[in-house]
N, C-alpha and C. Protein backbone atom coordinates (compact mmCIF):
# COMPACT_ATOMS: atom_id res chain seq x y z
N UNK A 1 6.51 -34.61 -13.32
CA UNK A 1 5.63 -33.84 -14.18
C UNK A 1 5.31 -32.48 -13.57
N UNK A 2 5.02 -32.49 -12.25
CA UNK A 2 4.70 -31.22 -11.57
C UNK A 2 5.86 -30.25 -11.67
N UNK A 3 7.11 -30.75 -11.50
CA UNK A 3 8.28 -29.89 -11.59
C UNK A 3 8.39 -29.26 -12.98
N UNK A 4 8.12 -30.04 -14.01
CA UNK A 4 8.19 -29.52 -15.38
C UNK A 4 7.15 -28.42 -15.57
N UNK A 5 5.93 -28.63 -15.09
CA UNK A 5 4.87 -27.64 -15.21
C UNK A 5 5.26 -26.36 -14.46
N UNK A 6 5.79 -26.49 -13.23
CA UNK A 6 6.20 -25.32 -12.46
C UNK A 6 7.32 -24.56 -13.17
N UNK A 7 8.28 -25.29 -13.72
CA UNK A 7 9.37 -24.63 -14.43
C UNK A 7 8.85 -23.90 -15.66
N UNK A 8 7.93 -24.51 -16.39
CA UNK A 8 7.35 -23.85 -17.56
C UNK A 8 6.58 -22.60 -17.15
N UNK A 9 5.85 -22.69 -16.05
CA UNK A 9 5.13 -21.53 -15.54
C UNK A 9 6.11 -20.41 -15.19
N UNK A 10 7.20 -20.76 -14.53
CA UNK A 10 8.21 -19.75 -14.18
C UNK A 10 8.81 -19.11 -15.42
N UNK A 11 9.10 -19.92 -16.42
CA UNK A 11 9.67 -19.39 -17.66
C UNK A 11 8.68 -18.43 -18.32
N UNK A 12 7.42 -18.80 -18.35
CA UNK A 12 6.39 -17.93 -18.92
C UNK A 12 6.29 -16.64 -18.12
N UNK A 13 6.25 -16.74 -16.80
CA UNK A 13 6.16 -15.54 -15.96
C UNK A 13 7.40 -14.67 -16.12
N UNK A 14 8.57 -15.30 -16.25
CA UNK A 14 9.82 -14.58 -16.46
C UNK A 14 9.73 -13.80 -17.76
N UNK A 15 9.23 -14.43 -18.81
CA UNK A 15 9.10 -13.77 -20.11
C UNK A 15 8.15 -12.58 -20.03
N UNK A 16 7.05 -12.73 -19.32
CA UNK A 16 6.11 -11.62 -19.15
C UNK A 16 6.76 -10.49 -18.37
N UNK A 17 7.46 -10.83 -17.31
CA UNK A 17 8.07 -9.83 -16.45
C UNK A 17 9.13 -9.00 -17.17
N UNK A 18 9.89 -9.63 -18.04
CA UNK A 18 11.01 -8.95 -18.65
C UNK A 18 10.68 -8.29 -19.98
N UNK A 19 9.43 -8.03 -20.19
CA UNK A 19 9.03 -7.35 -21.42
C UNK A 19 9.66 -5.96 -21.48
N UNK A 20 9.53 -5.33 -22.60
CA UNK A 20 10.16 -4.02 -22.79
C UNK A 20 9.76 -3.02 -21.72
N UNK A 21 8.54 -3.09 -21.21
CA UNK A 21 8.10 -2.17 -20.18
C UNK A 21 8.60 -2.58 -18.80
N UNK A 22 9.12 -3.78 -18.66
CA UNK A 22 9.60 -4.33 -17.40
C UNK A 22 8.57 -4.11 -16.30
N UNK A 23 7.40 -4.58 -16.56
CA UNK A 23 6.32 -4.49 -15.58
C UNK A 23 6.41 -5.66 -14.62
N UNK A 24 6.19 -5.42 -13.34
CA UNK A 24 6.19 -6.52 -12.38
C UNK A 24 5.04 -7.48 -12.67
N UNK A 25 5.18 -8.69 -12.17
CA UNK A 25 4.13 -9.69 -12.36
C UNK A 25 2.85 -9.21 -11.69
N UNK A 26 1.73 -9.57 -12.27
CA UNK A 26 0.45 -9.14 -11.74
C UNK A 26 0.14 -9.78 -10.38
N UNK A 27 0.69 -10.95 -10.12
CA UNK A 27 0.44 -11.61 -8.83
C UNK A 27 1.65 -11.51 -7.90
N UNK A 28 2.41 -10.43 -8.03
CA UNK A 28 3.60 -10.22 -7.20
C UNK A 28 3.22 -10.31 -5.72
N UNK A 29 3.99 -11.07 -4.96
CA UNK A 29 3.75 -11.27 -3.53
C UNK A 29 5.01 -10.88 -2.78
N UNK A 30 4.98 -9.73 -2.14
CA UNK A 30 6.14 -9.21 -1.43
C UNK A 30 6.66 -10.18 -0.38
N UNK A 31 5.78 -10.85 0.33
CA UNK A 31 6.20 -11.79 1.38
C UNK A 31 7.06 -12.92 0.81
N UNK A 32 6.78 -13.33 -0.41
CA UNK A 32 7.57 -14.41 -1.01
C UNK A 32 8.97 -13.96 -1.39
N UNK A 33 9.20 -12.66 -1.46
CA UNK A 33 10.53 -12.15 -1.75
C UNK A 33 11.44 -12.28 -0.54
N UNK A 34 10.86 -12.39 0.65
CA UNK A 34 11.64 -12.44 1.87
C UNK A 34 12.55 -13.65 1.93
N UNK A 35 13.72 -13.44 2.52
CA UNK A 35 14.65 -14.53 2.74
C UNK A 35 15.96 -14.34 2.02
N UNK A 36 16.73 -15.41 2.01
CA UNK A 36 18.07 -15.39 1.44
C UNK A 36 18.02 -15.75 -0.04
N UNK A 37 18.76 -14.98 -0.82
CA UNK A 37 18.89 -15.18 -2.26
C UNK A 37 20.37 -15.16 -2.61
N UNK A 38 20.71 -15.73 -3.76
CA UNK A 38 22.08 -15.68 -4.28
C UNK A 38 22.09 -14.88 -5.57
N UNK A 39 22.98 -13.91 -5.65
CA UNK A 39 23.15 -13.12 -6.86
C UNK A 39 24.03 -13.94 -7.80
N UNK A 40 23.43 -14.48 -8.87
CA UNK A 40 24.14 -15.42 -9.75
C UNK A 40 24.37 -14.87 -11.16
N UNK A 41 23.64 -13.84 -11.55
CA UNK A 41 23.80 -13.27 -12.88
C UNK A 41 23.77 -11.76 -12.83
N UNK A 42 24.49 -11.13 -13.73
CA UNK A 42 24.64 -9.68 -13.73
C UNK A 42 24.77 -9.22 -15.17
N UNK A 43 24.02 -8.22 -15.56
CA UNK A 43 24.10 -7.68 -16.92
C UNK A 43 23.86 -6.18 -16.87
N UNK A 44 24.59 -5.44 -17.69
CA UNK A 44 24.45 -3.99 -17.69
C UNK A 44 24.91 -3.40 -19.02
N UNK A 45 24.44 -2.21 -19.31
CA UNK A 45 24.95 -1.48 -20.46
C UNK A 45 25.99 -0.44 -20.03
N UNK A 46 26.37 -0.43 -18.77
CA UNK A 46 27.36 0.53 -18.26
C UNK A 46 28.71 0.28 -18.94
N UNK A 47 29.28 1.32 -19.49
CA UNK A 47 30.52 1.20 -20.26
C UNK A 47 31.70 0.71 -19.41
N UNK A 48 31.74 1.05 -18.15
CA UNK A 48 32.86 0.70 -17.29
C UNK A 48 32.83 -0.75 -16.78
N UNK A 49 31.73 -1.46 -17.02
CA UNK A 49 31.56 -2.80 -16.46
C UNK A 49 32.67 -3.77 -16.89
N UNK A 50 32.91 -3.89 -18.19
CA UNK A 50 33.88 -4.86 -18.70
C UNK A 50 35.29 -4.49 -18.25
N UNK A 51 35.65 -3.22 -18.31
CA UNK A 51 37.02 -2.82 -17.99
C UNK A 51 37.31 -2.72 -16.50
N UNK A 52 36.31 -2.49 -15.67
CA UNK A 52 36.58 -2.26 -14.25
C UNK A 52 36.01 -3.29 -13.28
N UNK A 53 34.98 -4.02 -13.67
CA UNK A 53 34.29 -4.84 -12.67
C UNK A 53 34.13 -6.32 -13.02
N UNK A 54 33.87 -6.65 -14.25
CA UNK A 54 33.45 -8.01 -14.62
C UNK A 54 34.43 -9.09 -14.17
N UNK A 55 35.71 -8.89 -14.37
CA UNK A 55 36.70 -9.93 -14.07
C UNK A 55 36.74 -10.29 -12.58
N UNK A 56 36.42 -9.35 -11.72
CA UNK A 56 36.51 -9.57 -10.28
C UNK A 56 35.20 -10.01 -9.63
N UNK A 57 34.12 -10.00 -10.38
CA UNK A 57 32.82 -10.29 -9.78
C UNK A 57 32.65 -11.77 -9.50
N UNK A 58 32.06 -12.05 -8.33
CA UNK A 58 31.72 -13.41 -7.94
C UNK A 58 30.33 -13.39 -7.31
N UNK A 59 29.78 -14.56 -7.15
CA UNK A 59 28.46 -14.70 -6.56
C UNK A 59 28.41 -13.99 -5.19
N UNK A 60 27.30 -13.37 -4.90
CA UNK A 60 27.08 -12.69 -3.62
C UNK A 60 25.77 -13.22 -3.03
N UNK A 61 25.52 -12.87 -1.78
CA UNK A 61 24.24 -13.23 -1.17
C UNK A 61 23.44 -11.97 -0.94
N UNK A 62 22.14 -12.14 -0.96
CA UNK A 62 21.23 -11.03 -0.68
C UNK A 62 20.19 -11.53 0.31
N UNK A 63 19.85 -10.69 1.25
CA UNK A 63 18.75 -10.99 2.16
C UNK A 63 17.71 -9.91 1.94
N UNK A 64 16.51 -10.36 1.58
CA UNK A 64 15.42 -9.43 1.33
C UNK A 64 14.38 -9.59 2.44
N UNK A 65 14.02 -8.45 3.04
CA UNK A 65 13.08 -8.46 4.16
C UNK A 65 11.95 -7.47 3.87
N UNK A 66 10.73 -7.97 3.67
CA UNK A 66 9.58 -7.06 3.51
C UNK A 66 9.33 -6.30 4.81
N UNK A 67 9.03 -5.02 4.70
CA UNK A 67 8.75 -4.23 5.89
C UNK A 67 7.24 -4.15 6.12
N UNK A 68 6.86 -3.69 7.30
CA UNK A 68 5.44 -3.54 7.61
C UNK A 68 4.75 -2.53 6.70
N UNK A 69 5.51 -1.57 6.19
CA UNK A 69 4.96 -0.52 5.31
C UNK A 69 4.86 -0.95 3.86
N UNK A 70 5.30 -2.18 3.53
CA UNK A 70 5.25 -2.65 2.15
C UNK A 70 6.50 -2.35 1.35
N UNK A 71 7.53 -1.84 2.03
CA UNK A 71 8.81 -1.60 1.37
C UNK A 71 9.62 -2.90 1.40
N UNK A 72 10.82 -2.88 0.82
CA UNK A 72 11.68 -4.06 0.81
C UNK A 72 13.08 -3.65 1.22
N UNK A 73 13.54 -4.22 2.31
CA UNK A 73 14.88 -3.98 2.82
C UNK A 73 15.80 -5.03 2.17
N UNK A 74 16.83 -4.58 1.46
CA UNK A 74 17.71 -5.49 0.73
C UNK A 74 19.14 -5.27 1.21
N UNK A 75 19.79 -6.36 1.66
CA UNK A 75 21.18 -6.31 2.10
C UNK A 75 21.99 -7.31 1.29
N UNK A 76 23.09 -6.83 0.70
CA UNK A 76 23.98 -7.69 -0.06
C UNK A 76 25.28 -7.90 0.72
N UNK A 77 25.86 -9.08 0.57
CA UNK A 77 27.17 -9.37 1.13
C UNK A 77 28.00 -10.09 0.08
N UNK A 78 29.25 -9.67 -0.06
CA UNK A 78 30.15 -10.27 -1.06
C UNK A 78 31.49 -10.51 -0.39
N UNK A 79 31.94 -11.76 -0.37
CA UNK A 79 33.24 -12.11 0.20
C UNK A 79 34.33 -11.74 -0.79
N UNK A 80 35.23 -10.86 -0.34
CA UNK A 80 36.33 -10.42 -1.19
C UNK A 80 37.50 -11.39 -1.08
N UNK A 81 38.43 -11.31 -2.01
CA UNK A 81 39.56 -12.25 -2.06
C UNK A 81 40.46 -12.15 -0.82
N UNK A 82 40.47 -11.01 -0.14
CA UNK A 82 41.30 -10.87 1.06
C UNK A 82 40.59 -11.36 2.32
N UNK A 83 39.39 -11.92 2.17
CA UNK A 83 38.64 -12.47 3.30
C UNK A 83 37.71 -11.47 3.97
N UNK A 84 37.80 -10.20 3.55
CA UNK A 84 36.89 -9.21 4.12
C UNK A 84 35.55 -9.27 3.39
N UNK A 85 34.58 -8.62 3.96
CA UNK A 85 33.23 -8.68 3.40
C UNK A 85 32.80 -7.29 2.95
N UNK A 86 32.39 -7.19 1.72
CA UNK A 86 31.82 -5.96 1.17
C UNK A 86 30.32 -6.05 1.37
N UNK A 87 29.73 -5.03 1.96
CA UNK A 87 28.29 -5.04 2.20
C UNK A 87 27.65 -3.82 1.56
N UNK A 88 26.41 -4.00 1.16
CA UNK A 88 25.63 -2.92 0.58
C UNK A 88 24.20 -3.09 1.07
N UNK A 89 23.53 -1.97 1.31
CA UNK A 89 22.18 -2.02 1.85
C UNK A 89 21.31 -1.00 1.12
N UNK A 90 20.08 -1.40 0.81
CA UNK A 90 19.10 -0.51 0.20
C UNK A 90 17.76 -0.69 0.90
N UNK A 91 17.02 0.38 1.00
CA UNK A 91 15.61 0.28 1.38
C UNK A 91 14.84 0.69 0.15
N UNK A 92 14.22 -0.30 -0.49
CA UNK A 92 13.44 -0.05 -1.69
C UNK A 92 12.03 0.35 -1.27
N UNK A 93 11.63 1.55 -1.65
CA UNK A 93 10.32 2.09 -1.25
C UNK A 93 9.26 1.69 -2.28
N UNK A 94 8.13 1.21 -1.78
CA UNK A 94 7.05 0.79 -2.68
C UNK A 94 6.53 2.00 -3.46
N UNK A 95 5.93 1.71 -4.60
CA UNK A 95 5.29 2.73 -5.41
C UNK A 95 3.82 2.35 -5.55
N UNK A 96 3.09 3.11 -6.36
CA UNK A 96 1.68 2.80 -6.58
C UNK A 96 1.50 1.53 -7.42
N UNK A 97 2.58 1.06 -8.06
CA UNK A 97 2.53 -0.18 -8.84
C UNK A 97 3.11 -1.31 -7.99
N UNK A 98 2.28 -2.28 -7.67
CA UNK A 98 2.71 -3.41 -6.87
C UNK A 98 3.87 -4.12 -7.55
N UNK A 99 4.97 -4.31 -6.80
CA UNK A 99 6.15 -4.98 -7.35
C UNK A 99 7.19 -4.03 -7.92
N UNK A 100 6.90 -2.74 -7.93
CA UNK A 100 7.87 -1.75 -8.40
C UNK A 100 8.28 -0.90 -7.21
N UNK A 101 9.57 -0.67 -7.08
CA UNK A 101 10.13 0.06 -5.95
C UNK A 101 11.07 1.15 -6.46
N UNK A 102 11.29 2.18 -5.66
CA UNK A 102 12.24 3.24 -6.01
C UNK A 102 13.17 3.51 -4.84
N UNK A 103 14.38 3.91 -5.19
CA UNK A 103 15.35 4.40 -4.20
C UNK A 103 16.57 4.94 -4.92
N UNK A 104 17.29 5.80 -4.25
CA UNK A 104 18.52 6.37 -4.77
C UNK A 104 18.40 6.89 -6.20
N UNK A 105 17.28 7.53 -6.53
CA UNK A 105 17.04 8.05 -7.86
C UNK A 105 17.09 6.98 -8.95
N UNK A 106 16.81 5.74 -8.57
CA UNK A 106 16.78 4.64 -9.53
C UNK A 106 15.36 4.07 -9.53
N UNK A 107 14.95 3.52 -10.66
CA UNK A 107 13.69 2.78 -10.71
C UNK A 107 14.03 1.31 -10.68
N UNK A 108 13.44 0.60 -9.75
CA UNK A 108 13.71 -0.84 -9.65
C UNK A 108 12.39 -1.57 -9.75
N UNK A 109 12.41 -2.67 -10.45
CA UNK A 109 11.27 -3.56 -10.51
C UNK A 109 11.74 -4.93 -10.07
N UNK A 110 10.96 -5.57 -9.25
CA UNK A 110 11.31 -6.91 -8.79
C UNK A 110 10.25 -7.86 -9.28
N UNK A 111 10.66 -9.02 -9.72
CA UNK A 111 9.72 -10.05 -10.13
C UNK A 111 10.04 -11.31 -9.36
N UNK A 112 9.06 -12.12 -9.09
CA UNK A 112 9.28 -13.32 -8.31
C UNK A 112 8.72 -14.53 -9.02
N UNK A 113 9.46 -15.59 -8.97
CA UNK A 113 8.98 -16.89 -9.42
C UNK A 113 9.40 -17.87 -8.34
N UNK A 114 8.99 -19.09 -8.43
CA UNK A 114 9.30 -20.06 -7.39
C UNK A 114 10.80 -20.25 -7.18
N UNK A 115 11.59 -20.04 -8.23
CA UNK A 115 13.01 -20.36 -8.17
C UNK A 115 13.95 -19.17 -8.32
N UNK A 116 13.50 -18.07 -8.83
CA UNK A 116 14.41 -16.96 -9.06
C UNK A 116 13.69 -15.62 -9.02
N UNK A 117 14.49 -14.56 -8.91
CA UNK A 117 13.98 -13.20 -8.94
C UNK A 117 14.89 -12.38 -9.85
N UNK A 118 14.32 -11.41 -10.52
CA UNK A 118 15.08 -10.52 -11.38
C UNK A 118 14.91 -9.11 -10.83
N UNK A 119 16.03 -8.48 -10.51
CA UNK A 119 16.01 -7.08 -10.10
C UNK A 119 16.50 -6.28 -11.29
N UNK A 120 15.64 -5.44 -11.81
CA UNK A 120 15.93 -4.65 -13.01
C UNK A 120 15.99 -3.19 -12.61
N UNK A 121 17.09 -2.54 -12.90
CA UNK A 121 17.30 -1.15 -12.50
C UNK A 121 17.54 -0.29 -13.73
N UNK A 122 16.91 0.86 -13.75
CA UNK A 122 17.24 1.88 -14.74
C UNK A 122 17.68 3.10 -13.94
N UNK A 123 18.94 3.45 -14.09
CA UNK A 123 19.51 4.58 -13.35
C UNK A 123 19.76 5.70 -14.35
N UNK A 124 19.16 6.86 -14.10
CA UNK A 124 19.35 8.00 -14.99
C UNK A 124 20.12 9.07 -14.23
N UNK A 125 21.23 9.48 -14.80
CA UNK A 125 22.07 10.49 -14.18
C UNK A 125 22.72 11.32 -15.28
N UNK A 126 22.61 12.61 -15.19
CA UNK A 126 23.21 13.49 -16.18
C UNK A 126 22.70 13.25 -17.58
N UNK A 127 21.43 12.87 -17.71
CA UNK A 127 20.83 12.65 -19.01
C UNK A 127 21.11 11.29 -19.63
N UNK A 128 21.95 10.45 -18.98
CA UNK A 128 22.25 9.12 -19.49
C UNK A 128 21.60 8.07 -18.61
N UNK A 129 21.08 7.02 -19.25
CA UNK A 129 20.46 5.93 -18.51
C UNK A 129 21.33 4.69 -18.58
N UNK A 130 21.49 4.04 -17.44
CA UNK A 130 22.18 2.76 -17.38
C UNK A 130 21.18 1.71 -16.96
N UNK A 131 21.24 0.57 -17.62
CA UNK A 131 20.37 -0.55 -17.28
C UNK A 131 21.22 -1.58 -16.54
N UNK A 132 20.66 -2.14 -15.49
CA UNK A 132 21.34 -3.16 -14.71
C UNK A 132 20.31 -4.23 -14.36
N UNK A 133 20.65 -5.47 -14.63
CA UNK A 133 19.78 -6.58 -14.25
C UNK A 133 20.58 -7.54 -13.39
N UNK A 134 19.98 -7.94 -12.28
CA UNK A 134 20.61 -8.91 -11.40
C UNK A 134 19.68 -10.12 -11.30
N UNK A 135 20.24 -11.29 -11.56
CA UNK A 135 19.48 -12.53 -11.46
C UNK A 135 19.79 -13.18 -10.11
N UNK A 136 18.74 -13.42 -9.34
CA UNK A 136 18.87 -14.05 -8.02
C UNK A 136 18.18 -15.41 -8.05
N UNK A 137 18.78 -16.37 -7.34
CA UNK A 137 18.15 -17.68 -7.18
C UNK A 137 18.17 -18.04 -5.70
N UNK A 138 17.38 -19.01 -5.33
CA UNK A 138 17.32 -19.45 -3.94
C UNK A 138 18.46 -20.40 -3.58
N UNK A 139 19.15 -20.94 -4.58
CA UNK A 139 20.29 -21.82 -4.33
C UNK A 139 21.49 -21.29 -5.12
N UNK A 140 22.66 -21.84 -4.83
CA UNK A 140 23.87 -21.40 -5.55
C UNK A 140 23.98 -22.03 -6.93
N UNK A 141 23.12 -22.97 -7.20
CA UNK A 141 23.16 -23.65 -8.50
C UNK A 141 22.18 -22.98 -9.46
N UNK A 142 22.64 -22.79 -10.69
CA UNK A 142 21.80 -22.20 -11.73
C UNK A 142 21.81 -23.14 -12.92
N UNK A 143 20.64 -23.45 -13.43
CA UNK A 143 20.55 -24.39 -14.55
C UNK A 143 21.07 -23.74 -15.83
N UNK A 144 21.54 -24.58 -16.73
CA UNK A 144 22.01 -24.07 -18.02
C UNK A 144 20.88 -23.36 -18.76
N UNK A 145 19.66 -23.89 -18.62
CA UNK A 145 18.50 -23.30 -19.27
C UNK A 145 18.25 -21.87 -18.76
N UNK A 146 18.30 -21.67 -17.45
CA UNK A 146 18.08 -20.34 -16.89
C UNK A 146 19.22 -19.40 -17.26
N UNK A 147 20.46 -19.89 -17.27
CA UNK A 147 21.60 -19.07 -17.71
C UNK A 147 21.35 -18.55 -19.13
N UNK A 148 20.95 -19.45 -20.00
CA UNK A 148 20.73 -19.09 -21.39
C UNK A 148 19.58 -18.10 -21.53
N UNK A 149 18.50 -18.32 -20.79
CA UNK A 149 17.35 -17.41 -20.87
C UNK A 149 17.73 -16.01 -20.37
N UNK A 150 18.51 -15.93 -19.30
CA UNK A 150 18.96 -14.64 -18.78
C UNK A 150 19.84 -13.94 -19.82
N UNK A 151 20.80 -14.67 -20.39
CA UNK A 151 21.67 -14.08 -21.40
C UNK A 151 20.87 -13.62 -22.62
N UNK A 152 19.96 -14.46 -23.09
CA UNK A 152 19.19 -14.11 -24.28
C UNK A 152 18.29 -12.90 -24.04
N UNK A 153 17.67 -12.85 -22.86
CA UNK A 153 16.84 -11.68 -22.52
C UNK A 153 17.67 -10.41 -22.58
N UNK A 154 18.83 -10.41 -22.00
CA UNK A 154 19.67 -9.22 -22.00
C UNK A 154 20.13 -8.88 -23.41
N UNK A 155 20.50 -9.87 -24.19
CA UNK A 155 20.89 -9.60 -25.59
C UNK A 155 19.72 -8.99 -26.35
N UNK A 156 18.52 -9.51 -26.12
CA UNK A 156 17.32 -9.02 -26.81
C UNK A 156 16.98 -7.58 -26.42
N UNK A 157 17.45 -7.14 -25.26
CA UNK A 157 17.15 -5.77 -24.83
C UNK A 157 18.34 -4.83 -25.04
N UNK A 158 19.32 -5.28 -25.83
CA UNK A 158 20.40 -4.39 -26.23
C UNK A 158 21.66 -4.43 -25.40
N UNK A 159 21.75 -5.31 -24.43
CA UNK A 159 22.98 -5.43 -23.64
C UNK A 159 23.97 -6.26 -24.46
N UNK A 160 25.19 -5.80 -24.58
CA UNK A 160 26.20 -6.53 -25.33
C UNK A 160 26.61 -7.79 -24.58
N UNK A 161 26.97 -8.83 -25.33
CA UNK A 161 27.32 -10.12 -24.71
C UNK A 161 28.44 -9.99 -23.69
N UNK A 162 29.43 -9.15 -23.96
CA UNK A 162 30.54 -9.00 -23.02
C UNK A 162 30.11 -8.31 -21.71
N UNK A 163 28.92 -7.75 -21.69
CA UNK A 163 28.40 -7.10 -20.48
C UNK A 163 27.42 -7.98 -19.72
N UNK A 164 27.43 -9.27 -20.01
CA UNK A 164 26.58 -10.23 -19.32
C UNK A 164 27.48 -11.21 -18.60
N UNK A 165 27.23 -11.40 -17.33
CA UNK A 165 28.07 -12.32 -16.55
C UNK A 165 27.21 -13.28 -15.73
N UNK A 166 27.55 -14.55 -15.81
CA UNK A 166 27.03 -15.54 -14.87
C UNK A 166 28.16 -15.68 -13.87
N UNK A 167 27.88 -15.35 -12.63
CA UNK A 167 28.93 -15.19 -11.62
C UNK A 167 29.41 -16.53 -11.07
N UNK A 168 30.74 -16.68 -10.92
CA UNK A 168 31.28 -17.91 -10.36
C UNK A 168 30.98 -18.01 -8.86
N UNK A 169 30.99 -19.23 -8.36
CA UNK A 169 30.74 -19.49 -6.93
C UNK A 169 31.73 -18.69 -6.08
N UNK A 170 31.30 -18.43 -4.86
CA UNK A 170 32.12 -17.67 -3.92
C UNK A 170 31.70 -18.08 -2.53
N UNK A 171 32.58 -17.92 -1.57
CA UNK A 171 32.20 -18.16 -0.18
C UNK A 171 31.24 -17.08 0.29
N UNK A 172 30.67 -17.29 1.45
CA UNK A 172 29.74 -16.30 2.00
C UNK A 172 30.43 -15.48 3.08
N UNK A 173 29.93 -14.29 3.29
CA UNK A 173 30.46 -13.39 4.30
C UNK A 173 30.10 -13.91 5.70
N UNK A 174 31.05 -13.72 6.60
CA UNK A 174 30.73 -13.91 8.01
C UNK A 174 30.67 -12.50 8.60
N UNK A 175 30.24 -12.38 9.80
CA UNK A 175 30.14 -11.05 10.42
C UNK A 175 31.47 -10.56 10.98
N UNK A 176 32.52 -11.39 10.88
CA UNK A 176 33.79 -11.05 11.51
C UNK A 176 34.50 -9.86 10.87
N UNK A 177 34.68 -9.86 9.58
CA UNK A 177 35.42 -8.80 8.91
C UNK A 177 34.51 -8.12 7.90
N UNK A 178 34.27 -6.83 8.10
CA UNK A 178 33.42 -6.08 7.18
C UNK A 178 34.20 -4.87 6.69
N UNK A 179 34.24 -4.68 5.37
CA UNK A 179 34.89 -3.50 4.82
C UNK A 179 33.90 -2.74 3.96
N UNK A 180 34.01 -1.44 3.93
CA UNK A 180 33.18 -0.58 3.11
C UNK A 180 31.68 -0.87 3.26
N UNK A 181 31.12 -0.75 4.45
CA UNK A 181 29.73 -1.14 4.65
C UNK A 181 28.71 -0.29 3.90
N UNK A 182 29.06 0.90 3.48
CA UNK A 182 28.05 1.74 2.85
C UNK A 182 28.21 1.84 1.33
N UNK A 183 29.18 1.17 0.75
CA UNK A 183 29.35 1.24 -0.70
C UNK A 183 28.35 0.37 -1.40
N UNK A 184 28.15 0.64 -2.68
CA UNK A 184 27.25 -0.14 -3.51
C UNK A 184 28.05 -1.00 -4.47
N UNK A 185 27.50 -2.17 -4.81
CA UNK A 185 28.13 -3.06 -5.78
C UNK A 185 27.97 -2.47 -7.15
């Protein structure tokens, strides 16, 4: 019964977080963001996604580390098919709104629930805005219910179905082989 109540609470909090304004949760706790996460879902309105990226995307890992200044250090690792590791790193700087961070001329909002986090990005460049949502979970398994809620949320906010991906399982990066350490996913 407790698990059902917690899941319902998470679903409710997820719905509040992903509103049109994409406001972070009112009880956002940066310390709870710390640790290892799995990137399991990806959605965007970027035109190049389906033709250039979607077919090759697989689950990645993310390590989020809160800093003493209240910022969030985020490192991604993705095992490529040749066995090398693609890495990406961001330092998300806190803003006056708790749970909202900025970096690289992008606005990012992070939301936390007991089981998952949603990183929502709006990138504006040359007068055009791209929306990107990444669904993270604490385990490599994602429930059918959460998959459907993520897909429906993105559809409701104008992302086309072909631009929504639930990422297939993938191995994890080791420190042995690293390629392109400064590129972004």
